[in-house]
Amino acid sequence: MQLEQQLRDKLKDKDILLMTHIVLGYPSLDVNREVIKQMVENGVDCIEMQIPFSEPMADGPVILKANQTSLAAGTKVADCFTFAAEISEQYDIPFLFMTYYNIIFKYGEEDFFKRAKESGIKGFIIPDLPPEMGKSFLTLADKYQISPILIYTPTSTDERMKELATYGDGFIYCVARRGVTGKKSEFDQDFDGYLARCRSATKLPLAVGFGIQSKEDIQALKGKADMAVIGSRTIQLVESEGAGAVGSFIASLR
């Protein structure tokens, strides 16, 4: 599908790519617009846009709060599609949707894929949908050419990793540690061994997320992963300093 090729083309000129994460509607769609502008202008290669959900089980307190605040402010799935169409038309990088399966189920799987395709979305990250339970989802992903991005964790066996790779496309999202988003990750010998297992299980690019917070973290991933994912840190920055602080932070990561 198109997403993997877009990322591989970018990797011809960079030793590691950068993906960021925003929660749509937090603190507002207008602020999302400014944050995305800052991110793209300072070299972000891919952006994961989260459709807010009431019980985001993979997310720590920062992103959980952002989800709940966005929902309380009235953000709807339809708003997320409209925003995605606007933003993907404006910027020439891949945009993804991250959310939880109940959102897709309630909306209607095929209707969701159709709207996402019309909105320029290149991939889906759905943490609570194992491929065995998502046969129709995977069929629709192929039909609409939207990459289903599968997830590896440190507890995944080698056999499970290889199996997941047969379903995935675009890239594999490698969770840096056990637990939820937000807490800083440690890149030690065990982590290096884990990433080596990830690499041997798939030919897809590897993205590493959960607890990536600084240039030093990204430097530690070079030669081991293809893309680093920054999530909670930029949300905290917007809360404390405003959207205008995001650009210089992103620039400092290179």
C-alpha atoms as a PDB file:
ATOM      1  CA  MET A   1       0.000   0.000   0.000  1.00  0.00           C
ATOM      2  CA  GLN A   2       0.986   3.634  -0.355  1.00  0.00           C
ATOM      3  CA  LEU A   3       2.004   4.319   3.257  1.00  0.00           C
ATOM      4  CA  GLU A   4       5.006   1.980   3.338  1.00  0.00           C
ATOM      5  CA  GLN A   5       6.369   3.411   0.100  1.00  0.00           C
ATOM      6  CA  GLN A   6       5.949   6.976   1.351  1.00  0.00           C
ATOM      7  CA  LEU A   7       7.951   6.144   4.469  1.00  0.00           C
ATOM      8  CA  ARG A   8      10.662   4.286   2.533  1.00  0.00           C
ATOM      9  CA  ASP A   9      11.033   7.244   0.190  1.00  0.00           C
ATOM     10  CA  LYS A  10      11.576   9.505   3.190  1.00  0.00           C
ATOM     11  CA  LEU A  11      14.131   7.080   4.657  1.00  0.00           C
ATOM     12  CA  LYS A  12      16.344   7.611   1.589  1.00  0.00           C
ATOM     13  CA  ASP A  13      17.204  11.045   2.984  1.00  0.00           C
ATOM     14  CA  LYS A  14      16.952  10.488   6.748  1.00  0.00           C
ATOM     15  CA  ASP A  15      18.439   7.945   9.142  1.00  0.00           C
ATOM     16  CA  ILE A  16      15.276   7.955  11.269  1.00  0.00           C
ATOM     17  CA  LEU A  17      11.809   9.399  10.729  1.00  0.00           C
ATOM     18  CA  LEU A  18       9.636  11.209  13.253  1.00  0.00           C
ATOM     19  CA  MET A  19       5.944  10.572  13.849  1.00  0.00           C
ATOM     20  CA  THR A  20       3.870  12.655  16.252  1.00  0.00           C
ATOM     21  CA  HIS A  21       0.534  12.075  17.948  1.00  0.00           C
ATOM     22  CA  ILE A  22      -2.308  14.515  18.562  1.00  0.00           C
ATOM     23  CA  VAL A  23      -5.759  14.046  20.057  1.00  0.00           C
ATOM     24  CA  LEU A  24      -8.324  15.636  17.772  1.00  0.00           C
ATOM     25  CA  GLY A  25     -10.323  18.353  19.478  1.00  0.00           C
ATOM     26  CA  TYR A  26      -7.808  18.795  22.294  1.00  0.00           C
ATOM     27  CA  PRO A  27      -7.618  21.492  23.379  1.00  0.00           C
ATOM     28  CA  SER A  28      -9.506  22.486  20.199  1.00  0.00           C
ATOM     29  CA  LEU A  29      -9.425  21.812  16.465  1.00  0.00           C
ATOM     30  CA  ASP A  30      -8.041  25.315  15.921  1.00  0.00           C
ATOM     31  CA  VAL A  31      -5.115  24.507  18.207  1.00  0.00           C
ATOM     32  CA  ASN A  32      -4.713  21.161  16.403  1.00  0.00           C
ATOM     33  CA  ARG A  33      -4.324  23.115  13.159  1.00  0.00           C
ATOM     34  CA  GLU A  34      -1.563  25.271  14.608  1.00  0.00           C
ATOM     35  CA  VAL A  35       0.204  22.316  16.210  1.00  0.00           C
ATOM     36  CA  ILE A  36       0.189  20.361  12.940  1.00  0.00           C
ATOM     37  CA  LYS A  37       1.544  23.402  11.086  1.00  0.00           C
ATOM     38  CA  GLN A  38       4.380  23.672  13.602  1.00  0.00           C
ATOM     39  CA  MET A  39       5.090  19.955  13.358  1.00  0.00           C
ATOM     40  CA  VAL A  40       5.181  19.765   9.565  1.00  0.00           C
ATOM     41  CA  GLU A  41       7.243  22.923   9.144  1.00  0.00           C
ATOM     42  CA  ASN A  42       9.847  21.501  11.542  1.00  0.00           C
ATOM     43  CA  GLY A  43      10.298  18.148   9.866  1.00  0.00           C
ATOM     44  CA  VAL A  44       7.703  15.681  11.159  1.00  0.00           C
ATOM     45  CA  ASP A  45       7.299  12.859   8.629  1.00  0.00           C
ATOM     46  CA  CYS A  46       3.966  11.335   9.684  1.00  0.00           C
ATOM     47  CA  ILE A  47       1.173  12.345  12.080  1.00  0.00           C
ATOM     48  CA  GLU A  48      -1.106  10.043  14.050  1.00  0.00           C
ATOM     49  CA  MET A  49      -4.434  11.746  14.777  1.00  0.00           C
ATOM     50  CA  GLN A  50      -6.431  10.162  17.590  1.00  0.00           C
ATOM     51  CA  ILE A  51     -10.207  10.125  17.364  1.00  0.00           C
ATOM     52  CA  PRO A  52     -11.147  10.591  21.034  1.00  0.00           C
ATOM     53  CA  PHE A  53     -12.691   7.682  22.913  1.00  0.00           C
ATOM     54  CA  SER A  54     -14.018   7.497  26.463  1.00  0.00           C
ATOM     55  CA  GLU A  55     -11.890   4.521  27.543  1.00  0.00           C
ATOM     56  CA  PRO A  56      -8.534   4.649  25.709  1.00  0.00           C
ATOM     57  CA  MET A  57      -6.998   1.572  27.297  1.00  0.00           C
ATOM     58  CA  ALA A  58      -3.488   1.918  25.844  1.00  0.00           C
ATOM     59  CA  ASP A  59      -3.094   5.539  26.906  1.00  0.00           C
ATOM     60  CA  GLY A  60      -1.617   7.029  30.055  1.00  0.00           C
ATOM     61  CA  PRO A  61      -2.944   9.980  32.072  1.00  0.00           C
ATOM     62  CA  VAL A  62      -1.881  12.757  29.667  1.00  0.00           C
ATOM     63  CA  ILE A  63      -3.585  11.316  26.597  1.00  0.00           C
ATOM     64  CA  LEU A  64      -6.500   9.971  28.664  1.00  0.00           C
ATOM     65  CA  LYS A  65      -7.196  13.486  29.921  1.00  0.00           C
ATOM     66  CA  ALA A  66      -6.952  14.856  26.382  1.00  0.00           C
ATOM     67  CA  ASN A  67      -9.478  12.285  25.143  1.00  0.00           C
ATOM     68  CA  GLN A  68     -11.944  13.027  27.923  1.00  0.00           C
ATOM     69  CA  THR A  69     -11.608  16.802  27.567  1.00  0.00           C
ATOM     70  CA  SER A  70     -12.117  16.625  23.807  1.00  0.00           C
ATOM     71  CA  LEU A  71     -15.250  14.506  24.213  1.00  0.00           C
ATOM     72  CA  ALA A  72     -16.601  16.827  26.902  1.00  0.00           C
ATOM     73  CA  ALA A  73     -16.146  19.736  24.489  1.00  0.00           C
ATOM     74  CA  GLY A  74     -18.330  17.928  21.960  1.00  0.00           C
ATOM     75  CA  THR A  75     -15.859  16.512  19.422  1.00  0.00           C
ATOM     76  CA  LYS A  76     -17.650  14.071  17.100  1.00  0.00           C
ATOM     77  CA  VAL A  77     -16.325  11.450  14.685  1.00  0.00           C
ATOM     78  CA  ALA A  78     -17.762  13.517  11.812  1.00  0.00           C
ATOM     79  CA  ASP A  79     -15.643  16.486  12.960  1.00  0.00           C
ATOM     80  CA  CYS A  80     -12.547  14.278  12.820  1.00  0.00           C
ATOM     81  CA  PHE A  81     -13.251  13.232   9.232  1.00  0.00           C
ATOM     82  CA  THR A  82     -13.827  16.828   8.155  1.00  0.00           C
ATOM     83  CA  PHE A  83     -10.618  17.925   9.876  1.00  0.00           C
ATOM     84  CA  ALA A  84      -8.621  15.062   8.330  1.00  0.00           C
ATOM     85  CA  ALA A  85      -9.820  15.957   4.827  1.00  0.00           C
ATOM     86  CA  GLU A  86      -8.767  19.569   5.339  1.00  0.00           C
ATOM     87  CA  ILE A  87      -5.369  18.795   6.810  1.00  0.00           C
ATOM     88  CA  SER A  88      -4.359  15.987   4.425  1.00  0.00           C
ATOM     89  CA  GLU A  89      -5.121  18.289   1.505  1.00  0.00           C
ATOM     90  CA  GLN A  90      -2.930  20.987   3.012  1.00  0.00           C
ATOM     91  CA  TYR A  91       0.210  18.976   3.882  1.00  0.00           C
ATOM     92  CA  ASP A  92       2.134  16.406   1.860  1.00  0.00           C
ATOM     93  CA  ILE A  93       2.852  13.879   4.593  1.00  0.00           C
ATOM     94  CA  PRO A  94       0.885  10.758   5.568  1.00  0.00           C
ATOM     95  CA  PHE A  95      -1.830  11.185   8.183  1.00  0.00           C
ATOM     96  CA  LEU A  96      -3.153   8.233  10.189  1.00  0.00           C
ATOM     97  CA  PHE A  97      -6.145   7.656  12.413  1.00  0.00           C
ATOM     98  CA  MET A  98      -5.589   6.072  15.799  1.00  0.00           C
ATOM     99  CA  THR A  99      -8.660   5.084  17.789  1.00  0.00           C
ATOM    100  CA  TYR A 100     -10.407   2.144  19.437  1.00  0.00           C
ATOM    101  CA  TYR A 101     -12.572  -0.388  17.681  1.00  0.00           C
ATOM    102  CA  ASN A 102     -15.872   0.576  19.299  1.00  0.00           C
ATOM    103  CA  ILE A 103     -15.732   3.886  17.400  1.00  0.00           C
ATOM    104  CA  ILE A 104     -15.473   2.015  14.083  1.00  0.00           C
ATOM    105  CA  PHE A 105     -18.055  -0.597  15.062  1.00  0.00           C
ATOM    106  CA  LYS A 106     -20.641   2.000  16.035  1.00  0.00           C
ATOM    107  CA  TYR A 107     -20.001   4.085  12.927  1.00  0.00           C
ATOM    108  CA  GLY A 108     -20.135   1.054  10.633  1.00  0.00           C
ATOM    109  CA  GLU A 109     -16.913  -0.518   9.384  1.00  0.00           C
ATOM    110  CA  GLU A 110     -17.322   0.119   5.658  1.00  0.00           C
ATOM    111  CA  ASP A 111     -18.724   3.612   6.138  1.00  0.00           C
ATOM    112  CA  PHE A 112     -15.753   4.395   8.361  1.00  0.00           C
ATOM    113  CA  PHE A 113     -13.264   3.161   5.760  1.00  0.00           C
ATOM    114  CA  LYS A 114     -15.026   5.014   2.985  1.00  0.00           C
ATOM    115  CA  ARG A 115     -14.999   8.315   4.866  1.00  0.00           C
ATOM    116  CA  ALA A 116     -11.375   7.823   5.911  1.00  0.00           C
ATOM    117  CA  LYS A 117     -10.347   7.184   2.305  1.00  0.00           C
ATOM    118  CA  GLU A 118     -12.202  10.302   1.183  1.00  0.00           C
ATOM    119  CA  SER A 119     -10.420  12.215   3.963  1.00  0.00           C
ATOM    120  CA  GLY A 120      -6.939  11.226   2.782  1.00  0.00           C
ATOM    121  CA  ILE A 121      -6.096   8.889   5.675  1.00  0.00           C
ATOM    122  CA  LYS A 122      -3.265   6.434   4.882  1.00  0.00           C
ATOM    123  CA  GLY A 123      -3.404   4.061   7.853  1.00  0.00           C
ATOM    124  CA  PHE A 124      -5.252   2.947  10.984  1.00  0.00           C
ATOM    125  CA  ILE A 125      -3.815   2.095  14.410  1.00  0.00           C
ATOM    126  CA  ILE A 126      -6.453   0.228  16.452  1.00  0.00           C
ATOM    127  CA  PRO A 127      -4.790  -1.098  19.651  1.00  0.00           C
ATOM    128  CA  ASP A 128      -7.739  -3.183  20.873  1.00  0.00           C
ATOM    129  CA  LEU A 129      -8.453  -5.110  17.652  1.00  0.00           C
ATOM    130  CA  PRO A 130      -6.398  -8.313  17.299  1.00  0.00           C
ATOM    131  CA  PRO A 131      -6.320  -9.495  13.664  1.00  0.00           C
ATOM    132  CA  GLU A 132      -8.124 -12.725  14.510  1.00  0.00           C
ATOM    133  CA  MET A 133     -11.124 -10.634  15.551  1.00  0.00           C
ATOM    134  CA  GLY A 134     -10.816  -8.216  12.661  1.00  0.00           C
ATOM    135  CA  LYS A 135     -11.227 -10.266   9.493  1.00  0.00           C
ATOM    136  CA  SER A 136     -13.747  -7.884   7.928  1.00  0.00           C
ATOM    137  CA  PHE A 137     -11.634  -4.907   9.025  1.00  0.00           C
ATOM    138  CA  LEU A 138      -8.597  -6.325   7.233  1.00  0.00           C
ATOM    139  CA  THR A 139     -10.635  -7.088   4.115  1.00  0.00           C
ATOM    140  CA  LEU A 140     -11.841  -3.485   4.032  1.00  0.00           C
ATOM    141  CA  ALA A 141      -8.308  -2.206   4.625  1.00  0.00           C
ATOM    142  CA  ASP A 142      -7.232  -3.990   1.478  1.00  0.00           C
ATOM    143  CA  LYS A 143     -10.281  -2.796  -0.476  1.00  0.00           C
ATOM    144  CA  TYR A 144      -9.777   0.860   0.454  1.00  0.00           C
ATOM    145  CA  GLN A 145      -5.959   0.698   0.465  1.00  0.00           C
ATOM    146  CA  ILE A 146      -5.630   1.995   4.006  1.00  0.00           C
ATOM    147  CA  SER A 147      -2.790   0.335   5.906  1.00  0.00           C
ATOM    148  CA  PRO A 148      -3.714  -1.689   9.024  1.00  0.00           C
ATOM    149  CA  ILE A 149      -0.829  -1.014  11.408  1.00  0.00           C
ATOM    150  CA  LEU A 150      -0.155  -3.871  13.806  1.00  0.00           C
ATOM    151  CA  ILE A 151       1.512  -3.606  17.189  1.00  0.00           C
ATOM    152  CA  TYR A 152       4.427  -5.494  18.752  1.00  0.00           C
ATOM    153  CA  THR A 153       5.084  -5.411  22.503  1.00  0.00           C
ATOM    154  CA  PRO A 154       7.986  -6.653  24.645  1.00  0.00           C
ATOM    155  CA  THR A 155       5.813  -9.608  25.684  1.00  0.00           C
ATOM    156  CA  SER A 156       5.105 -10.683  22.085  1.00  0.00           C
ATOM    157  CA  THR A 157       6.730 -14.008  21.240  1.00  0.00           C
ATOM    158  CA  ASP A 158       8.782 -14.397  18.074  1.00  0.00           C
ATOM    159  CA  GLU A 159       6.024 -16.562  16.625  1.00  0.00           C
ATOM    160  CA  ARG A 160       3.347 -13.983  17.404  1.00  0.00           C
ATOM    161  CA  MET A 161       5.398 -11.200  15.845  1.00  0.00           C
ATOM    162  CA  LYS A 162       5.789 -13.164  12.615  1.00  0.00           C
ATOM    163  CA  GLU A 163       2.073 -13.919  12.561  1.00  0.00           C
ATOM    164  CA  LEU A 164       1.106 -10.282  13.117  1.00  0.00           C
ATOM    165  CA  ALA A 165       3.428  -9.212  10.305  1.00  0.00           C
ATOM    166  CA  THR A 166       1.378 -11.257   7.840  1.00  0.00           C
ATOM    167  CA  TYR A 167      -1.648  -9.062   8.596  1.00  0.00           C
ATOM    168  CA  GLY A 168       0.048  -5.677   8.913  1.00  0.00           C
ATOM    169  CA  ASP A 169       0.984  -3.054   6.364  1.00  0.00           C
ATOM    170  CA  GLY A 170       2.632   0.366   6.283  1.00  0.00           C
ATOM    171  CA  PHE A 171       4.830  -0.201   9.323  1.00  0.00           C
ATOM    172  CA  ILE A 172       4.877  -2.081  12.610  1.00  0.00           C
ATOM    173  CA  TYR A 173       4.322  -0.075  15.789  1.00  0.00           C
ATOM    174  CA  CYS A 174       6.742  -1.368  18.433  1.00  0.00           C
ATOM    175  CA  VAL A 175       5.653  -0.482  21.968  1.00  0.00           C
ATOM    176  CA  ALA A 176       8.845   0.393  23.836  1.00  0.00           C
ATOM    177  CA  ARG A 177       7.818  -1.087  27.181  1.00  0.00           C
ATOM    178  CA  ARG A 178       5.017  -2.646  29.173  1.00  0.00           C
ATOM    179  CA  GLY A 179       2.235  -0.360  30.359  1.00  0.00           C
ATOM    180  CA  VAL A 180       0.558   2.707  28.900  1.00  0.00           C
ATOM    181  CA  THR A 181       1.760   5.840  27.138  1.00  0.00           C
ATOM    182  CA  GLY A 182       3.554   8.715  28.827  1.00  0.00           C
ATOM    183  CA  LYS A 183       6.178   7.254  31.163  1.00  0.00           C
ATOM    184  CA  LYS A 184       9.770   7.574  29.939  1.00  0.00           C
ATOM    185  CA  SER A 185      11.238   4.402  28.443  1.00  0.00           C
ATOM    186  CA  GLU A 186      14.692   2.995  29.183  1.00  0.00           C
ATOM    187  CA  PHE A 187      16.813   1.844  26.253  1.00  0.00           C
ATOM    188  CA  ASP A 188      18.966  -0.904  27.711  1.00  0.00           C
ATOM    189  CA  GLN A 189      20.279  -4.275  26.543  1.00  0.00           C
ATOM    190  CA  ASP A 190      16.890  -5.912  26.953  1.00  0.00           C
ATOM    191  CA  PHE A 191      15.331  -3.214  24.777  1.00  0.00           C
ATOM    192  CA  ASP A 192      17.972  -3.709  22.086  1.00  0.00           C
ATOM    193  CA  GLY A 193      17.249  -7.433  22.109  1.00  0.00           C
ATOM    194  CA  TYR A 194      13.536  -6.743  21.794  1.00  0.00           C
ATOM    195  CA  LEU A 195      14.039  -4.481  18.776  1.00  0.00           C
ATOM    196  CA  ALA A 196      16.300  -7.081  17.190  1.00  0.00           C
ATOM    197  CA  ARG A 197      13.467  -9.591  17.559  1.00  0.00           C
ATOM    198  CA  CYS A 198      11.062  -7.098  15.991  1.00  0.00           C
ATOM    199  CA  ARG A 199      13.393  -6.552  13.055  1.00  0.00           C
ATOM    200  CA  SER A 200      13.823 -10.247  12.395  1.00  0.00           C
ATOM    201  CA  ALA A 201      10.048 -10.846  12.401  1.00  0.00           C
ATOM    202  CA  THR A 202       9.046  -8.459   9.600  1.00  0.00           C
ATOM    203  CA  LYS A 203      10.246  -6.651   6.501  1.00  0.00           C
ATOM    204  CA  LEU A 204       8.031  -3.669   7.297  1.00  0.00           C
ATOM    205  CA  PRO A 205       9.542  -0.466   8.753  1.00  0.00           C
ATOM    206  CA  LEU A 206       9.621  -0.298  12.547  1.00  0.00           C
ATOM    207  CA  ALA A 207       8.224   2.646  14.529  1.00  0.00           C
ATOM    208  CA  VAL A 208       8.943   2.866  18.261  1.00  0.00           C
ATOM    209  CA  GLY A 209       6.601   4.678  20.625  1.00  0.00           C
ATOM    210  CA  PHE A 210       5.639   4.978  24.322  1.00  0.00           C
ATOM    211  CA  GLY A 211       7.893   7.215  26.405  1.00  0.00           C
ATOM    212  CA  ILE A 212       9.969   8.813  23.619  1.00  0.00           C
ATOM    213  CA  GLN A 213      10.621  12.317  24.941  1.00  0.00           C
ATOM    214  CA  SER A 214      13.935  13.788  23.792  1.00  0.00           C
ATOM    215  CA  LYS A 215      16.637  14.011  21.157  1.00  0.00           C
ATOM    216  CA  GLU A 216      18.678  11.558  23.211  1.00  0.00           C
ATOM    217  CA  ASP A 217      15.858   9.008  23.031  1.00  0.00           C
ATOM    218  CA  ILE A 218      15.681   9.382  19.256  1.00  0.00           C
ATOM    219  CA  GLN A 219      19.461   9.114  18.899  1.00  0.00           C
ATOM    220  CA  ALA A 220      19.301   5.857  20.847  1.00  0.00           C
ATOM    221  CA  LEU A 221      16.885   4.449  18.264  1.00  0.00           C
ATOM    222  CA  LYS A 222      18.985   5.236  15.200  1.00  0.00           C
ATOM    223  CA  GLY A 223      20.133   2.084  13.429  1.00  0.00           C
ATOM    224  CA  LYS A 224      17.565   0.033  15.359  1.00  0.00           C
ATOM    225  CA  ALA A 225      14.239   1.533  14.259  1.00  0.00           C
ATOM    226  CA  ASP A 226      12.979   3.464  11.248  1.00  0.00           C
ATOM    227  CA  MET A 227      10.676   5.920  12.998  1.00  0.00           C
ATOM    228  CA  ALA A 228      10.360   7.407  16.481  1.00  0.00           C
ATOM    229  CA  VAL A 229       6.940   8.355  17.866  1.00  0.00           C
ATOM    230  CA  ILE A 230       6.440  11.400  20.115  1.00  0.00           C
ATOM    231  CA  GLY A 231       3.042  11.593  21.821  1.00  0.00           C
ATOM    232  CA  SER A 232       2.469  12.718  25.400  1.00  0.00           C
ATOM    233  CA  ARG A 233       5.421  15.125  25.415  1.00  0.00           C
ATOM    234  CA  THR A 234       3.985  17.459  22.778  1.00  0.00           C
ATOM    235  CA  ILE A 235       0.554  17.406  24.440  1.00  0.00           C
ATOM    236  CA  GLN A 236       2.178  18.435  27.729  1.00  0.00           C
ATOM    237  CA  LEU A 237       4.056  21.198  25.907  1.00  0.00           C
ATOM    238  CA  VAL A 238       0.870  22.610  24.397  1.00  0.00           C
ATOM    239  CA  GLU A 239      -0.732  22.583  27.854  1.00  0.00           C
ATOM    240  CA  SER A 240       2.162  24.363  29.550  1.00  0.00           C
ATOM    241  CA  GLU A 241       3.488  26.719  26.861  1.00  0.00           C
ATOM    242  CA  GLY A 242       0.968  26.785  24.011  1.00  0.00           C
ATOM    243  CA  ALA A 243       0.991  25.607  20.422  1.00  0.00           C
ATOM    244  CA  GLY A 244       3.753  28.021  19.445  1.00  0.00           C
ATOM    245  CA  ALA A 245       6.272  26.057  21.521  1.00  0.00           C
ATOM    246  CA  VAL A 246       5.846  22.877  19.476  1.00  0.00           C
ATOM    247  CA  GLY A 247       7.916  23.960  16.466  1.00  0.00           C
ATOM    248  CA  SER A 248      11.142  24.641  18.341  1.00  0.00           C
ATOM    249  CA  PHE A 249      10.720  21.420  20.333  1.00  0.00           C
ATOM    250  CA  ILE A 250      10.321  19.348  17.166  1.00  0.00           C
ATOM    251  CA  ALA A 251      13.309  21.090  15.568  1.00  0.00           C
ATOM    252  CA  SER A 252      15.407  20.251  18.651  1.00  0.00           C
ATOM    253  CA  LEU A 253      14.824  16.513  18.167  1.00  0.00           C
ATOM    254  CA  ARG A 254      16.857  16.300  14.950  1.00  0.00           C
END
